[in-house]
């Protein structure tokens, strides 16, 4: 089980990234636009740099929804390999059976 503070910090980052995504996208598009003047593009880069770092999507860590484990996660299922195996063994995941050959 991960530390509660780490899980909460990651949840705050997730919320902040979601809230600031439109503004960040607009500023990035403006900074990459070759039709704008260099001054406008540079001003957009400065505004982007002034925004909080935790508002960036790349700062969000994929964690297990059950335990908060940061490694060995399946994105589609949002859980770590350990919990996936445990729940599959208990028969709680529909359609998943233990393989044997």
C-alpha atoms as a PDB file:
ATOM      1  CA  UNK A   1       0.000   0.000   0.000  1.00  0.00           C
ATOM      2  CA  UNK A   2       1.395   3.376  -1.014  1.00  0.00           C
ATOM      3  CA  UNK A   3       1.589   6.340   1.318  1.00  0.00           C
ATOM      4  CA  UNK A   4      -1.676   8.239   1.502  1.00  0.00           C
ATOM      5  CA  UNK A   5       0.131  11.529   0.955  1.00  0.00           C
ATOM      6  CA  UNK A   6       1.575  10.275  -2.341  1.00  0.00           C
ATOM      7  CA  UNK A   7      -1.823   9.175  -3.541  1.00  0.00           C
ATOM      8  CA  UNK A   8      -3.430  12.482  -2.569  1.00  0.00           C
ATOM      9  CA  UNK A   9      -0.638  14.484  -4.193  1.00  0.00           C
ATOM     10  CA  UNK A  10      -1.164  12.561  -7.408  1.00  0.00           C
ATOM     11  CA  UNK A  11      -4.929  13.159  -7.240  1.00  0.00           C
ATOM     12  CA  UNK A  12      -4.341  16.902  -6.845  1.00  0.00           C
ATOM     13  CA  UNK A  13      -2.030  16.843  -9.861  1.00  0.00           C
ATOM     14  CA  UNK A  14      -4.651  14.973 -11.872  1.00  0.00           C
ATOM     15  CA  UNK A  15      -7.335  17.563 -11.035  1.00  0.00           C
ATOM     16  CA  UNK A  16      -5.035  20.494 -11.748  1.00  0.00           C
ATOM     17  CA  UNK A  17      -3.903  19.032 -15.067  1.00  0.00           C
ATOM     18  CA  UNK A  18      -7.503  18.505 -16.119  1.00  0.00           C
ATOM     19  CA  UNK A  19      -8.484  22.044 -15.150  1.00  0.00           C
ATOM     20  CA  UNK A  20      -5.549  23.728 -16.870  1.00  0.00           C
ATOM     21  CA  UNK A  21      -5.440  21.577 -20.005  1.00  0.00           C
ATOM     22  CA  UNK A  22      -7.387  24.004 -22.263  1.00  0.00           C
ATOM     23  CA  UNK A  23      -5.265  27.015 -21.298  1.00  0.00           C
ATOM     24  CA  UNK A  24      -2.010  25.064 -21.701  1.00  0.00           C
ATOM     25  CA  UNK A  25      -3.116  23.772 -25.102  1.00  0.00           C
ATOM     26  CA  UNK A  26      -4.031  27.280 -26.279  1.00  0.00           C
ATOM     27  CA  UNK A  27      -0.661  28.685 -25.170  1.00  0.00           C
ATOM     28  CA  UNK A  28       1.266  25.796 -26.732  1.00  0.00           C
ATOM     29  CA  UNK A  29      -0.575  26.200 -30.031  1.00  0.00           C
ATOM     30  CA  UNK A  30       0.159  29.914 -29.973  1.00  0.00           C
ATOM     31  CA  UNK A  31       3.848  29.309 -29.246  1.00  0.00           C
ATOM     32  CA  UNK A  32       4.149  26.809 -32.117  1.00  0.00           C
ATOM     33  CA  UNK A  33       2.246  28.946 -34.645  1.00  0.00           C
ATOM     34  CA  UNK A  34       4.759  30.107 -37.282  1.00  0.00           C
ATOM     35  CA  UNK A  35       2.386  32.777 -38.613  1.00  0.00           C
ATOM     36  CA  UNK A  36       2.617  34.770 -35.360  1.00  0.00           C
ATOM     37  CA  UNK A  37       5.407  37.226 -34.672  1.00  0.00           C
ATOM     38  CA  UNK A  38       8.372  36.040 -32.600  1.00  0.00           C
ATOM     39  CA  UNK A  39       7.370  38.441 -29.816  1.00  0.00           C
ATOM     40  CA  UNK A  40       3.888  36.929 -29.549  1.00  0.00           C
ATOM     41  CA  UNK A  41       5.299  33.411 -29.546  1.00  0.00           C
ATOM     42  CA  UNK A  42       7.869  34.293 -26.889  1.00  0.00           C
ATOM     43  CA  UNK A  43       5.181  35.922 -24.739  1.00  0.00           C
ATOM     44  CA  UNK A  44       3.136  32.724 -24.959  1.00  0.00           C
ATOM     45  CA  UNK A  45       6.174  30.698 -23.840  1.00  0.00           C
ATOM     46  CA  UNK A  46       6.668  33.031 -20.868  1.00  0.00           C
ATOM     47  CA  UNK A  47       3.016  32.676 -19.831  1.00  0.00           C
ATOM     48  CA  UNK A  48       3.318  28.918 -20.165  1.00  0.00           C
ATOM     49  CA  UNK A  49       6.414  28.946 -17.961  1.00  0.00           C
ATOM     50  CA  UNK A  50       4.580  30.968 -15.287  1.00  0.00           C
ATOM     51  CA  UNK A  51       1.843  28.361 -14.961  1.00  0.00           C
ATOM     52  CA  UNK A  52       2.152  25.801 -12.139  1.00  0.00           C
ATOM     53  CA  UNK A  53       4.239  22.773 -13.020  1.00  0.00           C
ATOM     54  CA  UNK A  54       1.762  20.371 -11.466  1.00  0.00           C
ATOM     55  CA  UNK A  55      -0.761  21.520 -14.078  1.00  0.00           C
ATOM     56  CA  UNK A  56       1.131  19.567 -16.708  1.00  0.00           C
ATOM     57  CA  UNK A  57      -0.268  16.190 -17.754  1.00  0.00           C
ATOM     58  CA  UNK A  58       3.143  14.494 -17.735  1.00  0.00           C
ATOM     59  CA  UNK A  59       3.502  15.027 -13.974  1.00  0.00           C
ATOM     60  CA  UNK A  60       0.574  12.718 -13.240  1.00  0.00           C
ATOM     61  CA  UNK A  61       1.709   9.235 -12.235  1.00  0.00           C
ATOM     62  CA  UNK A  62      -0.318   6.162 -13.153  1.00  0.00           C
ATOM     63  CA  UNK A  63      -1.204   4.440  -9.892  1.00  0.00           C
ATOM     64  CA  UNK A  64      -3.259   1.416  -8.927  1.00  0.00           C
ATOM     65  CA  UNK A  65      -6.803   2.415  -7.967  1.00  0.00           C
ATOM     66  CA  UNK A  66      -6.867  -0.187  -5.190  1.00  0.00           C
ATOM     67  CA  UNK A  67      -3.445   0.032  -3.539  1.00  0.00           C
ATOM     68  CA  UNK A  68      -1.858   3.167  -5.001  1.00  0.00           C
ATOM     69  CA  UNK A  69       1.159   1.189  -6.247  1.00  0.00           C
ATOM     70  CA  UNK A  70       3.050   3.312  -8.816  1.00  0.00           C
ATOM     71  CA  UNK A  71       4.657   0.487 -10.796  1.00  0.00           C
ATOM     72  CA  UNK A  72       3.445  -2.489 -12.781  1.00  0.00           C
ATOM     73  CA  UNK A  73       0.126  -0.905 -13.763  1.00  0.00           C
ATOM     74  CA  UNK A  74      -2.204  -1.842 -16.574  1.00  0.00           C
ATOM     75  CA  UNK A  75      -3.558   1.415 -18.005  1.00  0.00           C
ATOM     76  CA  UNK A  76      -6.762  -0.077 -19.321  1.00  0.00           C
ATOM     77  CA  UNK A  77      -7.689  -1.704 -16.002  1.00  0.00           C
ATOM     78  CA  UNK A  78      -6.152   1.001 -13.758  1.00  0.00           C
ATOM     79  CA  UNK A  79      -4.730  -1.586 -11.386  1.00  0.00           C
ATOM     80  CA  UNK A  80      -1.376  -3.137 -10.661  1.00  0.00           C
ATOM     81  CA  UNK A  81      -0.339  -6.609 -11.674  1.00  0.00           C
ATOM     82  CA  UNK A  82      -0.549  -7.909  -8.092  1.00  0.00           C
ATOM     83  CA  UNK A  83      -4.157  -6.887  -7.610  1.00  0.00           C
ATOM     84  CA  UNK A  84      -5.078  -8.092 -11.084  1.00  0.00           C
ATOM     85  CA  UNK A  85      -3.763 -11.545 -10.294  1.00  0.00           C
ATOM     86  CA  UNK A  86      -5.440 -11.637  -6.897  1.00  0.00           C
ATOM     87  CA  UNK A  87      -8.846 -10.547  -8.214  1.00  0.00           C
ATOM     88  CA  UNK A  88      -8.588 -12.936 -11.170  1.00  0.00           C
ATOM     89  CA  UNK A  89      -7.826 -15.830  -8.822  1.00  0.00           C
ATOM     90  CA  UNK A  90     -10.892 -14.964  -6.773  1.00  0.00           C
ATOM     91  CA  UNK A  91     -13.008 -14.883  -9.940  1.00  0.00           C
ATOM     92  CA  UNK A  92     -13.972 -11.219  -9.570  1.00  0.00           C
ATOM     93  CA  UNK A  93     -12.915 -10.195 -13.078  1.00  0.00           C
ATOM     94  CA  UNK A  94     -15.443 -11.389 -15.663  1.00  0.00           C
ATOM     95  CA  UNK A  95     -13.980 -13.407 -18.513  1.00  0.00           C
ATOM     96  CA  UNK A  96     -10.557 -13.821 -16.949  1.00  0.00           C
ATOM     97  CA  UNK A  97      -9.477 -17.336 -16.073  1.00  0.00           C
ATOM     98  CA  UNK A  98      -6.188 -18.782 -14.940  1.00  0.00           C
ATOM     99  CA  UNK A  99      -4.357 -20.242 -17.900  1.00  0.00           C
ATOM    100  CA  UNK A 100      -3.174 -23.803 -17.894  1.00  0.00           C
ATOM    101  CA  UNK A 101      -1.739 -25.946 -20.678  1.00  0.00           C
END
